[in-house]
Amino acid sequence: MSRNNSLEMDQLTDAAYYILLSLLVPRHGYGIMNYIEKLTQGEVVIGPATAYTLIKKLQDNECILLAGEDNNDRRKTYAITDKGKQLVSNEIERRKRMSEHGNQAWLSAKEEHDNG
């Protein structure tokens, strides 16, 4: 799957996933990047180029919307839509299943190794 059609397939890149999670509460661009870094304790850092490219893509796909604009400091505040909430909810469940599959494969391989 190419990165260009990941939203069409109802699967998110890691960066898009974290952006949607950050927008469960409306935030501006810098707030999105800062929240993700704090949420992941620095494990995930999304730079401005990635963030704003994905924000535009998520807007185009009606997953987020421009919630407000402060003309004094040019900050734009974004919020998740119902479509975006459903997408991120589905993605959380999909990633849980993937984690379970990984754990099952790990245990199975260990048992095969121990018994073989």
PDB file of N, CA and C in Angstrom:
ATOM      1  N   MET A   1       0.842  -1.180   0.000  1.00  0.00           N
ATOM      2  CA  MET A   1       0.000   0.000   0.000  1.00  0.00           C
ATOM      3  C   MET A   1       0.882   1.235   0.000  1.00  0.00           C
ATOM      4  N   SER A   2       0.631   2.149  -0.898  1.00  0.00           N
ATOM      5  CA  SER A   2       1.417   3.367  -0.942  1.00  0.00           C
ATOM      6  C   SER A   2       0.908   4.342   0.114  1.00  0.00           C
ATOM      7  N   ARG A   3       1.744   5.279   0.465  1.00  0.00           N
ATOM      8  CA  ARG A   3       1.359   6.276   1.456  1.00  0.00           C
ATOM      9  C   ARG A   3       0.213   7.141   0.931  1.00  0.00           C
ATOM     10  N   ASN A   4       0.128   7.313  -0.376  1.00  0.00           N
ATOM     11  CA  ASN A   4      -0.884   8.190  -0.948  1.00  0.00           C
ATOM     12  C   ASN A   4      -2.295   7.678  -0.765  1.00  0.00           C
ATOM     13  N   ASN A   5      -2.478   6.365  -0.704  1.00  0.00           N
ATOM     14  CA  ASN A   5      -3.833   5.851  -0.614  1.00  0.00           C
ATOM     15  C   ASN A   5      -4.146   5.242   0.748  1.00  0.00           C
ATOM     16  N   SER A   6      -3.318   5.503   1.767  1.00  0.00           N
ATOM     17  CA  SER A   6      -3.539   4.876   3.065  1.00  0.00           C
ATOM     18  C   SER A   6      -4.861   5.301   3.675  1.00  0.00           C
ATOM     19  N   LEU A   7      -5.289   6.537   3.475  1.00  0.00           N
ATOM     20  CA  LEU A   7      -6.572   6.968   4.019  1.00  0.00           C
ATOM     21  C   LEU A   7      -7.733   6.335   3.261  1.00  0.00           C
ATOM     22  N   GLU A   8      -7.555   6.111   1.980  1.00  0.00           N
ATOM     23  CA  GLU A   8      -8.599   5.475   1.187  1.00  0.00           C
ATOM     24  C   GLU A   8      -8.810   4.029   1.611  1.00  0.00           C
ATOM     25  N   MET A   9      -7.769   3.396   2.125  1.00  0.00           N
ATOM     26  CA  MET A   9      -7.851   2.006   2.554  1.00  0.00           C
ATOM     27  C   MET A   9      -8.259   1.901   4.026  1.00  0.00           C
ATOM     28  N   ASP A  10      -8.556   3.045   4.660  1.00  0.00           N
ATOM     29  CA  ASP A  10      -8.922   3.093   6.075  1.00  0.00           C
ATOM     30  C   ASP A  10      -7.812   2.577   6.973  1.00  0.00           C
ATOM     31  N   GLN A  11      -6.580   2.792   6.567  1.00  0.00           N
ATOM     32  CA  GLN A  11      -5.422   2.509   7.399  1.00  0.00           C
ATOM     33  C   GLN A  11      -4.595   3.773   7.452  1.00  0.00           C
ATOM     34  N   LEU A  12      -4.017   4.024   8.597  1.00  0.00           N
ATOM     35  CA  LEU A  12      -3.269   5.248   8.791  1.00  0.00           C
ATOM     36  C   LEU A  12      -1.779   4.981   8.914  1.00  0.00           C
ATOM     37  N   THR A  13      -0.992   5.893   8.396  1.00  0.00           N
ATOM     38  CA  THR A  13       0.432   5.864   8.705  1.00  0.00           C
ATOM     39  C   THR A  13       0.563   6.191  10.186  1.00  0.00           C
ATOM     40  N   ASP A  14       1.715   5.898  10.756  1.00  0.00           N
ATOM     41  CA  ASP A  14       1.918   6.213  12.169  1.00  0.00           C
ATOM     42  C   ASP A  14       1.736   7.705  12.424  1.00  0.00           C
ATOM     43  N   ALA A  15       2.281   8.535  11.562  1.00  0.00           N
ATOM     44  CA  ALA A  15       2.174   9.981  11.759  1.00  0.00           C
ATOM     45  C   ALA A  15       0.721  10.451  11.702  1.00  0.00           C
ATOM     46  N   ALA A  16      -0.048   9.972  10.732  1.00  0.00           N
ATOM     47  CA  ALA A  16      -1.459  10.360  10.636  1.00  0.00           C
ATOM     48  C   ALA A  16      -2.240   9.871  11.848  1.00  0.00           C
ATOM     49  N   TYR A  17      -1.927   8.681  12.318  1.00  0.00           N
ATOM     50  CA  TYR A  17      -2.557   8.117  13.516  1.00  0.00           C
ATOM     51  C   TYR A  17      -2.332   9.038  14.721  1.00  0.00           C
ATOM     52  N   TYR A  18      -1.096   9.444  14.929  1.00  0.00           N
ATOM     53  CA  TYR A  18      -0.792  10.307  16.072  1.00  0.00           C
ATOM     54  C   TYR A  18      -1.402  11.696  15.923  1.00  0.00           C
ATOM     55  N   ILE A  19      -1.466  12.212  14.712  1.00  0.00           N
ATOM     56  CA  ILE A  19      -2.101  13.515  14.505  1.00  0.00           C
ATOM     57  C   ILE A  19      -3.579  13.428  14.865  1.00  0.00           C
ATOM     58  N   LEU A  20      -4.263  12.383  14.415  1.00  0.00           N
ATOM     59  CA  LEU A  20      -5.677  12.252  14.765  1.00  0.00           C
ATOM     60  C   LEU A  20      -5.864  12.091  16.270  1.00  0.00           C
ATOM     61  N   LEU A  21      -4.999  11.309  16.910  1.00  0.00           N
ATOM     62  CA  LEU A  21      -5.087  11.179  18.371  1.00  0.00           C
ATOM     63  C   LEU A  21      -4.919  12.534  19.045  1.00  0.00           C
ATOM     64  N   SER A  22      -3.985  13.322  18.550  1.00  0.00           N
ATOM     65  CA  SER A  22      -3.738  14.628  19.168  1.00  0.00           C
ATOM     66  C   SER A  22      -4.925  15.560  19.007  1.00  0.00           C
ATOM     67  N   LEU A  23      -5.712  15.348  17.960  1.00  0.00           N
ATOM     68  CA  LEU A  23      -6.838  16.244  17.685  1.00  0.00           C
ATOM     69  C   LEU A  23      -8.149  15.791  18.320  1.00  0.00           C
ATOM     70  N   LEU A  24      -8.083  14.827  19.218  1.00  0.00           N
ATOM     71  CA  LEU A  24      -9.272  14.511  20.008  1.00  0.00           C
ATOM     72  C   LEU A  24      -9.654  15.734  20.847  1.00  0.00           C
ATOM     73  N   VAL A  25      -8.681  16.621  21.017  1.00  0.00           N
ATOM     74  CA  VAL A  25      -8.894  17.952  21.595  1.00  0.00           C
ATOM     75  C   VAL A  25      -8.367  18.938  20.560  1.00  0.00           C
ATOM     76  N   PRO A  26      -9.128  19.979  20.195  1.00  0.00           N
ATOM     77  CA  PRO A  26      -8.649  20.907  19.171  1.00  0.00           C
ATOM     78  C   PRO A  26      -7.278  21.498  19.529  1.00  0.00           C
ATOM     79  N   ARG A  27      -6.398  21.573  18.530  1.00  0.00           N
ATOM     80  CA  ARG A  27      -5.046  22.102  18.733  1.00  0.00           C
ATOM     81  C   ARG A  27      -4.569  22.793  17.455  1.00  0.00           C
ATOM     82  N   HIS A  28      -3.608  23.663  17.629  1.00  0.00           N
ATOM     83  CA  HIS A  28      -2.942  24.277  16.476  1.00  0.00           C
ATOM     84  C   HIS A  28      -1.742  23.413  16.106  1.00  0.00           C
ATOM     85  N   GLY A  29      -1.132  23.712  14.981  1.00  0.00           N
ATOM     86  CA  GLY A  29      -0.054  22.870  14.442  1.00  0.00           C
ATOM     87  C   GLY A  29       1.060  22.580  15.431  1.00  0.00           C
ATOM     88  N   TYR A  30       1.598  23.624  16.074  1.00  0.00           N
ATOM     89  CA  TYR A  30       2.674  23.404  17.035  1.00  0.00           C
ATOM     90  C   TYR A  30       2.169  22.570  18.205  1.00  0.00           C
ATOM     91  N   GLY A  31       0.943  22.812  18.634  1.00  0.00           N
ATOM     92  CA  GLY A  31       0.350  22.047  19.735  1.00  0.00           C
ATOM     93  C   GLY A  31       0.220  20.569  19.392  1.00  0.00           C
ATOM     94  N   ILE A  32      -0.088  20.278  18.134  1.00  0.00           N
ATOM     95  CA  ILE A  32      -0.182  18.892  17.674  1.00  0.00           C
ATOM     96  C   ILE A  32       1.175  18.208  17.819  1.00  0.00           C
ATOM     97  N   MET A  33       2.212  18.849  17.286  1.00  0.00           N
ATOM     98  CA  MET A  33       3.553  18.259  17.341  1.00  0.00           C
ATOM     99  C   MET A  33       4.029  18.093  18.782  1.00  0.00           C
ATOM    100  N   ASN A  34       3.776  19.092  19.613  1.00  0.00           N
ATOM    101  CA  ASN A  34       4.190  19.053  21.006  1.00  0.00           C
ATOM    102  C   ASN A  34       3.451  17.952  21.771  1.00  0.00           C
ATOM    103  N   TYR A  35       2.144  17.825  21.539  1.00  0.00           N
ATOM    104  CA  TYR A  35       1.351  16.798  22.220  1.00  0.00           C
ATOM    105  C   TYR A  35       1.858  15.392  21.873  1.00  0.00           C
ATOM    106  N   ILE A  36       2.115  15.160  20.607  1.00  0.00           N
ATOM    107  CA  ILE A  36       2.589  13.834  20.166  1.00  0.00           C
ATOM    108  C   ILE A  36       3.908  13.485  20.845  1.00  0.00           C
ATOM    109  N   GLU A  37       4.807  14.453  20.891  1.00  0.00           N
ATOM    110  CA  GLU A  37       6.104  14.200  21.527  1.00  0.00           C
ATOM    111  C   GLU A  37       5.925  13.896  23.020  1.00  0.00           C
ATOM    112  N   LYS A  38       5.044  14.632  23.686  1.00  0.00           N
ATOM    113  CA  LYS A  38       4.789  14.376  25.114  1.00  0.00           C
ATOM    114  C   LYS A  38       4.080  13.042  25.318  1.00  0.00           C
ATOM    115  N   LEU A  39       3.064  12.752  24.499  1.00  0.00           N
ATOM    116  CA  LEU A  39       2.311  11.502  24.609  1.00  0.00           C
ATOM    117  C   LEU A  39       3.225  10.290  24.498  1.00  0.00           C
ATOM    118  N   THR A  40       4.166  10.364  23.576  1.00  0.00           N
ATOM    119  CA  THR A  40       5.044   9.224  23.304  1.00  0.00           C
ATOM    120  C   THR A  40       6.374   9.312  24.055  1.00  0.00           C
ATOM    121  N   GLN A  41       6.467  10.261  24.956  1.00  0.00           N
ATOM    122  CA  GLN A  41       7.691  10.475  25.738  1.00  0.00           C
ATOM    123  C   GLN A  41       8.918  10.588  24.833  1.00  0.00           C
ATOM    124  N   GLY A  42       8.745  11.310  23.728  1.00  0.00           N
ATOM    125  CA  GLY A  42       9.829  11.571  22.801  1.00  0.00           C
ATOM    126  C   GLY A  42      10.112  10.460  21.804  1.00  0.00           C
ATOM    127  N   GLU A  43       9.361   9.373  21.888  1.00  0.00           N
ATOM    128  CA  GLU A  43       9.574   8.259  20.962  1.00  0.00           C
ATOM    129  C   GLU A  43       9.157   8.622  19.539  1.00  0.00           C
ATOM    130  N   VAL A  44       8.141   9.454  19.424  1.00  0.00           N
ATOM    131  CA  VAL A  44       7.662   9.893  18.108  1.00  0.00           C
ATOM    132  C   VAL A  44       7.765  11.412  18.058  1.00  0.00           C
ATOM    133  N   VAL A  45       8.499  11.892  17.075  1.00  0.00           N
ATOM    134  CA  VAL A  45       8.631  13.328  16.843  1.00  0.00           C
ATOM    135  C   VAL A  45       8.223  13.574  15.390  1.00  0.00           C
ATOM    136  N   ILE A  46       7.245  14.427  15.213  1.00  0.00           N
ATOM    137  CA  ILE A  46       6.771  14.761  13.868  1.00  0.00           C
ATOM    138  C   ILE A  46       7.160  16.206  13.582  1.00  0.00           C
ATOM    139  N   GLY A  47       7.914  16.380  12.524  1.00  0.00           N
ATOM    140  CA  GLY A  47       8.362  17.716  12.153  1.00  0.00           C
ATOM    141  C   GLY A  47       7.294  18.498  11.410  1.00  0.00           C
ATOM    142  N   PRO A  48       7.520  19.793  11.249  1.00  0.00           N
ATOM    143  CA  PRO A  48       6.530  20.654  10.608  1.00  0.00           C
ATOM    144  C   PRO A  48       6.151  20.230   9.186  1.00  0.00           C
ATOM    145  N   ALA A  49       7.114  19.825   8.377  1.00  0.00           N
ATOM    146  CA  ALA A  49       6.799  19.451   6.989  1.00  0.00           C
ATOM    147  C   ALA A  49       5.849  18.263   6.959  1.00  0.00           C
ATOM    148  N   THR A  50       6.138  17.254   7.746  1.00  0.00           N
ATOM    149  CA  THR A  50       5.260  16.074   7.816  1.00  0.00           C
ATOM    150  C   THR A  50       3.910  16.446   8.394  1.00  0.00           C
ATOM    151  N   ALA A  51       3.927  17.201   9.490  1.00  0.00           N
ATOM    152  CA  ALA A  51       2.675  17.561  10.159  1.00  0.00           C
ATOM    153  C   ALA A  51       1.736  18.319   9.221  1.00  0.00           C
ATOM    154  N   TYR A  52       2.248  19.362   8.581  1.00  0.00           N
ATOM    155  CA  TYR A  52       1.363  20.185   7.760  1.00  0.00           C
ATOM    156  C   TYR A  52       0.946  19.498   6.469  1.00  0.00           C
ATOM    157  N   THR A  53       1.784  18.631   5.937  1.00  0.00           N
ATOM    158  CA  THR A  53       1.386  17.839   4.769  1.00  0.00           C
ATOM    159  C   THR A  53       0.233  16.912   5.138  1.00  0.00           C
ATOM    160  N   LEU A  54       0.353  16.255   6.284  1.00  0.00           N
ATOM    161  CA  LEU A  54      -0.708  15.338   6.710  1.00  0.00           C
ATOM    162  C   LEU A  54      -1.962  16.078   7.160  1.00  0.00           C
ATOM    163  N   ILE A  55      -1.807  17.229   7.777  1.00  0.00           N
ATOM    164  CA  ILE A  55      -2.972  18.027   8.164  1.00  0.00           C
ATOM    165  C   ILE A  55      -3.785  18.361   6.915  1.00  0.00           C
ATOM    166  N   LYS A  56      -3.101  18.781   5.856  1.00  0.00           N
ATOM    167  CA  LYS A  56      -3.796  19.098   4.594  1.00  0.00           C
ATOM    168  C   LYS A  56      -4.493  17.855   4.038  1.00  0.00           C
ATOM    169  N   LYS A  57      -3.793  16.719   4.050  1.00  0.00           N
ATOM    170  CA  LYS A  57      -4.367  15.474   3.533  1.00  0.00           C
ATOM    171  C   LYS A  57      -5.573  15.047   4.379  1.00  0.00           C
ATOM    172  N   LEU A  58      -5.458  15.165   5.695  1.00  0.00           N
ATOM    173  CA  LEU A  58      -6.567  14.794   6.586  1.00  0.00           C
ATOM    174  C   LEU A  58      -7.758  15.736   6.407  1.00  0.00           C
ATOM    175  N   GLN A  59      -7.488  17.010   6.143  1.00  0.00           N
ATOM    176  CA  GLN A  59      -8.572  17.945   5.832  1.00  0.00           C
ATOM    177  C   GLN A  59      -9.254  17.566   4.525  1.00  0.00           C
ATOM    178  N   ASP A  60      -8.457  17.277   3.501  1.00  0.00           N
ATOM    179  CA  ASP A  60      -9.005  16.913   2.191  1.00  0.00           C
ATOM    180  C   ASP A  60      -9.884  15.664   2.286  1.00  0.00           C
ATOM    181  N   ASN A  61      -9.543  14.763   3.226  1.00  0.00           N
ATOM    182  CA  ASN A  61     -10.316  13.538   3.417  1.00  0.00           C
ATOM    183  C   ASN A  61     -11.418  13.687   4.471  1.00  0.00           C
ATOM    184  N   GLU A  62     -11.651  14.915   4.913  1.00  0.00           N
ATOM    185  CA  GLU A  62     -12.704  15.256   5.871  1.00  0.00           C
ATOM    186  C   GLU A  62     -12.566  14.530   7.208  1.00  0.00           C
ATOM    187  N   CYS A  63     -11.321  14.252   7.593  1.00  0.00           N
ATOM    188  CA  CYS A  63     -11.050  13.636   8.893  1.00  0.00           C
ATOM    189  C   CYS A  63     -10.821  14.694   9.967  1.00  0.00           C
ATOM    190  N   ILE A  64     -10.367  15.859   9.539  1.00  0.00           N
ATOM    191  CA  ILE A  64     -10.204  16.998  10.436  1.00  0.00           C
ATOM    192  C   ILE A  64     -10.707  18.236   9.730  1.00  0.00           C
ATOM    193  N   LEU A  65     -10.924  19.291  10.510  1.00  0.00           N
ATOM    194  CA  LEU A  65     -11.362  20.549   9.923  1.00  0.00           C
ATOM    195  C   LEU A  65     -10.679  21.701  10.636  1.00  0.00           C
ATOM    196  N   LEU A  66     -10.650  22.826   9.961  1.00  0.00           N
ATOM    197  CA  LEU A  66     -10.123  24.044  10.546  1.00  0.00           C
ATOM    198  C   LEU A  66     -11.177  24.561  11.517  1.00  0.00           C
ATOM    199  N   ALA A  67     -10.824  24.611  12.791  1.00  0.00           N
ATOM    200  CA  ALA A  67     -11.796  24.983  13.817  1.00  0.00           C
ATOM    201  C   ALA A  67     -11.734  26.464  14.162  1.00  0.00           C
ATOM    202  N   GLY A  68     -10.630  27.087  13.836  1.00  0.00           N
ATOM    203  CA  GLY A  68     -10.501  28.510  14.134  1.00  0.00           C
ATOM    204  C   GLY A  68      -9.153  29.020  13.687  1.00  0.00           C
ATOM    205  N   GLU A  69      -9.063  30.341  13.633  1.00  0.00           N
ATOM    206  CA  GLU A  69      -7.821  30.959  13.180  1.00  0.00           C
ATOM    207  C   GLU A  69      -7.610  32.216  13.996  1.00  0.00           C
ATOM    208  N   ASP A  70      -6.425  32.358  14.584  1.00  0.00           N
ATOM    209  CA  ASP A  70      -6.071  33.541  15.341  1.00  0.00           C
ATOM    210  C   ASP A  70      -5.238  34.434  14.441  1.00  0.00           C
ATOM    211  N   ASN A  71      -5.820  35.542  14.022  1.00  0.00           N
ATOM    212  CA  ASN A  71      -5.132  36.425  13.078  1.00  0.00           C
ATOM    213  C   ASN A  71      -3.928  37.124  13.701  1.00  0.00           C
ATOM    214  N   ASN A  72      -3.891  37.235  15.034  1.00  0.00           N
ATOM    215  CA  ASN A  72      -2.769  37.919  15.684  1.00  0.00           C
ATOM    216  C   ASN A  72      -1.477  37.140  15.553  1.00  0.00           C
ATOM    217  N   ASP A  73      -1.518  35.817  15.692  1.00  0.00           N
ATOM    218  CA  ASP A  73      -0.280  35.037  15.592  1.00  0.00           C
ATOM    219  C   ASP A  73      -0.325  34.018  14.457  1.00  0.00           C
ATOM    220  N   ARG A  74      -1.342  34.104  13.615  1.00  0.00           N
ATOM    221  CA  ARG A  74      -1.493  33.257  12.424  1.00  0.00           C
ATOM    222  C   ARG A  74      -1.648  31.774  12.742  1.00  0.00           C
ATOM    223  N   ARG A  75      -1.993  31.434  13.968  1.00  0.00           N
ATOM    224  CA  ARG A  75      -2.194  30.028  14.318  1.00  0.00           C
ATOM    225  C   ARG A  75      -3.558  29.557  13.856  1.00  0.00           C
ATOM    226  N   LYS A  76      -3.552  28.367  13.285  1.00  0.00           N
ATOM    227  CA  LYS A  76      -4.804  27.736  12.867  1.00  0.00           C
ATOM    228  C   LYS A  76      -5.057  26.577  13.813  1.00  0.00           C
ATOM    229  N   THR A  77      -6.272  26.498  14.302  1.00  0.00           N
ATOM    230  CA  THR A  77      -6.658  25.419  15.209  1.00  0.00           C
ATOM    231  C   THR A  77      -7.465  24.400  14.429  1.00  0.00           C
ATOM    232  N   TYR A  78      -7.112  23.127  14.624  1.00  0.00           N
ATOM    233  CA  TYR A  78      -7.754  22.031  13.917  1.00  0.00           C
ATOM    234  C   TYR A  78      -8.508  21.156  14.913  1.00  0.00           C
ATOM    235  N   ALA A  79      -9.552  20.502  14.418  1.00  0.00           N
ATOM    236  CA  ALA A  79     -10.346  19.588  15.245  1.00  0.00           C
ATOM    237  C   ALA A  79     -10.684  18.353  14.421  1.00  0.00           C
ATOM    238  N   ILE A  80     -10.838  17.250  15.110  1.00  0.00           N
ATOM    239  CA  ILE A  80     -11.192  15.993  14.454  1.00  0.00           C
ATOM    240  C   ILE A  80     -12.695  15.986  14.147  1.00  0.00           C
ATOM    241  N   THR A  81     -13.068  15.389  13.036  1.00  0.00           N
ATOM    242  CA  THR A  81     -14.479  15.246  12.664  1.00  0.00           C
ATOM    243  C   THR A  81     -14.986  13.881  13.139  1.00  0.00           C
ATOM    244  N   ASP A  82     -16.275  13.653  12.997  1.00  0.00           N
ATOM    245  CA  ASP A  82     -16.822  12.329  13.334  1.00  0.00           C
ATOM    246  C   ASP A  82     -16.182  11.248  12.467  1.00  0.00           C
ATOM    247  N   LYS A  83     -15.959  11.560  11.195  1.00  0.00           N
ATOM    248  CA  LYS A  83     -15.295  10.608  10.305  1.00  0.00           C
ATOM    249  C   LYS A  83     -13.892  10.294  10.819  1.00  0.00           C
ATOM    250  N   GLY A  84     -13.170  11.313  11.243  1.00  0.00           N
ATOM    251  CA  GLY A  84     -11.831  11.119  11.788  1.00  0.00           C
ATOM    252  C   GLY A  84     -11.852  10.307  13.072  1.00  0.00           C
ATOM    253  N   LYS A  85     -12.839  10.557  13.927  1.00  0.00           N
ATOM    254  CA  LYS A  85     -12.962   9.792  15.178  1.00  0.00           C
ATOM    255  C   LYS A  85     -13.207   8.317  14.878  1.00  0.00           C
ATOM    256  N   GLN A  86     -14.065   8.041  13.915  1.00  0.00           N
ATOM    257  CA  GLN A  86     -14.335   6.651  13.545  1.00  0.00           C
ATOM    258  C   GLN A  86     -13.092   5.991  12.971  1.00  0.00           C
ATOM    259  N   LEU A  87     -12.375   6.724  12.138  1.00  0.00           N
ATOM    260  CA  LEU A  87     -11.156   6.194  11.524  1.00  0.00           C
ATOM    261  C   LEU A  87     -10.108   5.874  12.589  1.00  0.00           C
ATOM    262  N   VAL A  88      -9.888   6.778  13.535  1.00  0.00           N
ATOM    263  CA  VAL A  88      -8.872   6.530  14.562  1.00  0.00           C
ATOM    264  C   VAL A  88      -9.323   5.430  15.516  1.00  0.00           C
ATOM    265  N   SER A  89     -10.612   5.345  15.790  1.00  0.00           N
ATOM    266  CA  SER A  89     -11.130   4.263  16.631  1.00  0.00           C
ATOM    267  C   SER A  89     -10.896   2.910  15.959  1.00  0.00           C
ATOM    268  N   ASN A  90     -11.197   2.819  14.673  1.00  0.00           N
ATOM    269  CA  ASN A  90     -10.960   1.587  13.915  1.00  0.00           C
ATOM    270  C   ASN A  90      -9.474   1.248  13.890  1.00  0.00           C
ATOM    271  N   GLU A  91      -8.645   2.285  13.767  1.00  0.00           N
ATOM    272  CA  GLU A  91      -7.199   2.075  13.705  1.00  0.00           C
ATOM    273  C   GLU A  91      -6.661   1.557  15.039  1.00  0.00           C
ATOM    274  N   ILE A  92      -7.192   2.049  16.139  1.00  0.00           N
ATOM    275  CA  ILE A  92      -6.776   1.550  17.456  1.00  0.00           C
ATOM    276  C   ILE A  92      -7.084   0.061  17.555  1.00  0.00           C
ATOM    277  N   GLU A  93      -8.261  -0.338  17.136  1.00  0.00           N
ATOM    278  CA  GLU A  93      -8.648  -1.757  17.184  1.00  0.00           C
ATOM    279  C   GLU A  93      -7.784  -2.591  16.243  1.00  0.00           C
ATOM    280  N   ARG A  94      -7.512  -2.074  15.051  1.00  0.00           N
ATOM    281  CA  ARG A  94      -6.669  -2.792  14.090  1.00  0.00           C
ATOM    282  C   ARG A  94      -5.264  -2.991  14.653  1.00  0.00           C
ATOM    283  N   ARG A  95      -4.724  -1.967  15.268  1.00  0.00           N
ATOM    284  CA  ARG A  95      -3.377  -2.063  15.832  1.00  0.00           C
ATOM    285  C   ARG A  95      -3.338  -2.992  17.044  1.00  0.00           C
ATOM    286  N   LYS A  96      -4.423  -3.039  17.813  1.00  0.00           N
ATOM    287  CA  LYS A  96      -4.500  -4.004  18.924  1.00  0.00           C
ATOM    288  C   LYS A  96      -4.438  -5.431  18.382  1.00  0.00           C
ATOM    289  N   ARG A  97      -5.207  -5.690  17.315  1.00  0.00           N
ATOM    290  CA  ARG A  97      -5.185  -7.025  16.707  1.00  0.00           C
ATOM    291  C   ARG A  97      -3.798  -7.357  16.173  1.00  0.00           C
ATOM    292  N   MET A  98      -3.153  -6.407  15.548  1.00  0.00           N
ATOM    293  CA  MET A  98      -1.804  -6.632  15.024  1.00  0.00           C
ATOM    294  C   MET A  98      -0.845  -6.971  16.164  1.00  0.00           C
ATOM    295  N   SER A  99      -0.976  -6.283  17.282  1.00  0.00           N
ATOM    296  CA  SER A  99      -0.129  -6.560  18.438  1.00  0.00           C
ATOM    297  C   SER A  99      -0.384  -7.965  18.977  1.00  0.00           C
ATOM    298  N   GLU A 100      -1.652  -8.346  19.037  1.00  0.00           N
ATOM    299  CA  GLU A 100      -1.999  -9.705  19.488  1.00  0.00           C
ATOM    300  C   GLU A 100      -1.410 -10.753  18.542  1.00  0.00           C
ATOM    301  N   HIS A 101      -1.488 -10.504  17.243  1.00  0.00           N
ATOM    302  CA  HIS A 101      -0.914 -11.438  16.262  1.00  0.00           C
ATOM    303  C   HIS A 101       0.594 -11.555  16.471  1.00  0.00           C
ATOM    304  N   GLY A 102       1.245 -10.432  16.714  1.00  0.00           N
ATOM    305  CA  GLY A 102       2.678 -10.453  16.956  1.00  0.00           C
ATOM    306  C   GLY A 102       3.032 -11.259  18.198  1.00  0.00           C
ATOM    307  N   ASN A 103       2.269 -11.060  19.265  1.00  0.00           N
ATOM    308  CA  ASN A 103       2.510 -11.823  20.500  1.00  0.00           C
ATOM    309  C   ASN A 103       2.277 -13.310  20.286  1.00  0.00           C
ATOM    310  N   GLN A 104       1.210 -13.660  19.551  1.00  0.00           N
ATOM    311  CA  GLN A 104       0.925 -15.067  19.273  1.00  0.00           C
ATOM    312  C   GLN A 104       2.055 -15.693  18.450  1.00  0.00           C
ATOM    313  N   ALA A 105       2.524 -14.978  17.450  1.00  0.00           N
ATOM    314  CA  ALA A 105       3.611 -15.494  16.607  1.00  0.00           C
ATOM    315  C   ALA A 105       4.884 -15.654  17.430  1.00  0.00           C
ATOM    316  N   TRP A 106       5.156 -14.715  18.298  1.00  0.00           N
ATOM    317  CA  TRP A 106       6.339 -14.777  19.149  1.00  0.00           C
ATOM    318  C   TRP A 106       6.285 -16.002  20.059  1.00  0.00           C
ATOM    319  N   LEU A 107       5.133 -16.207  20.708  1.00  0.00           N
ATOM    320  CA  LEU A 107       4.983 -17.357  21.605  1.00  0.00           C
ATOM    321  C   LEU A 107       5.044 -18.675  20.839  1.00  0.00           C
ATOM    322  N   SER A 108       4.416 -18.714  19.677  1.00  0.00           N
ATOM    323  CA  SER A 108       4.416 -19.917  18.852  1.00  0.00           C
ATOM    324  C   SER A 108       5.843 -20.272  18.417  1.00  0.00           C
ATOM    325  N   ALA A 109       6.587 -19.280  17.994  1.00  0.00           N
ATOM    326  CA  ALA A 109       7.965 -19.511  17.563  1.00  0.00           C
ATOM    327  C   ALA A 109       8.817 -19.996  18.733  1.00  0.00           C
ATOM    328  N   LYS A 110       8.585 -19.437  19.912  1.00  0.00           N
ATOM    329  CA  LYS A 110       9.339 -19.854  21.098  1.00  0.00           C
ATOM    330  C   LYS A 110       9.018 -21.313  21.445  1.00  0.00           C
ATOM    331  N   GLU A 111       7.722 -21.675  21.372  1.00  0.00           N
ATOM    332  CA  GLU A 111       7.326 -23.055  21.667  1.00  0.00           C
ATOM    333  C   GLU A 111       7.921 -24.017  20.655  1.00  0.00           C
ATOM    334  N   GLU A 112       7.890 -23.648  19.381  1.00  0.00           N
ATOM    335  CA  GLU A 112       8.484 -24.498  18.346  1.00  0.00           C
ATOM    336  C   GLU A 112       9.987 -24.668  18.576  1.00  0.00           C
ATOM    337  N   HIS A 113      10.625 -23.619  18.946  1.00  0.00           N
ATOM    338  CA  HIS A 113      12.068 -23.659  19.195  1.00  0.00           C
ATOM    339  C   HIS A 113      12.368 -24.540  20.415  1.00  0.00           C
ATOM    340  N   ASP A 114      11.586 -24.375  21.484  1.00  0.00           N
ATOM    341  CA  ASP A 114      11.802 -25.140  22.713  1.00  0.00           C
ATOM    342  C   ASP A 114      11.489 -26.617  22.535  1.00  0.00           C
ATOM    343  N   ASN A 115      10.516 -26.932  21.676  1.00  0.00           N
ATOM    344  CA  ASN A 115      10.095 -28.328  21.462  1.00  0.00           C
ATOM    345  C   ASN A 115      10.797 -29.005  20.282  1.00  0.00           C
ATOM    346  N   GLY A 116      11.500 -28.214  19.519  1.00  0.00           N
ATOM    347  CA  GLY A 116      12.055 -28.768  18.287  1.00  0.00           C
ATOM    348  C   GLY A 116      13.498 -29.035  18.380  1.00  0.00           C
TER     349      GLY A 116
END
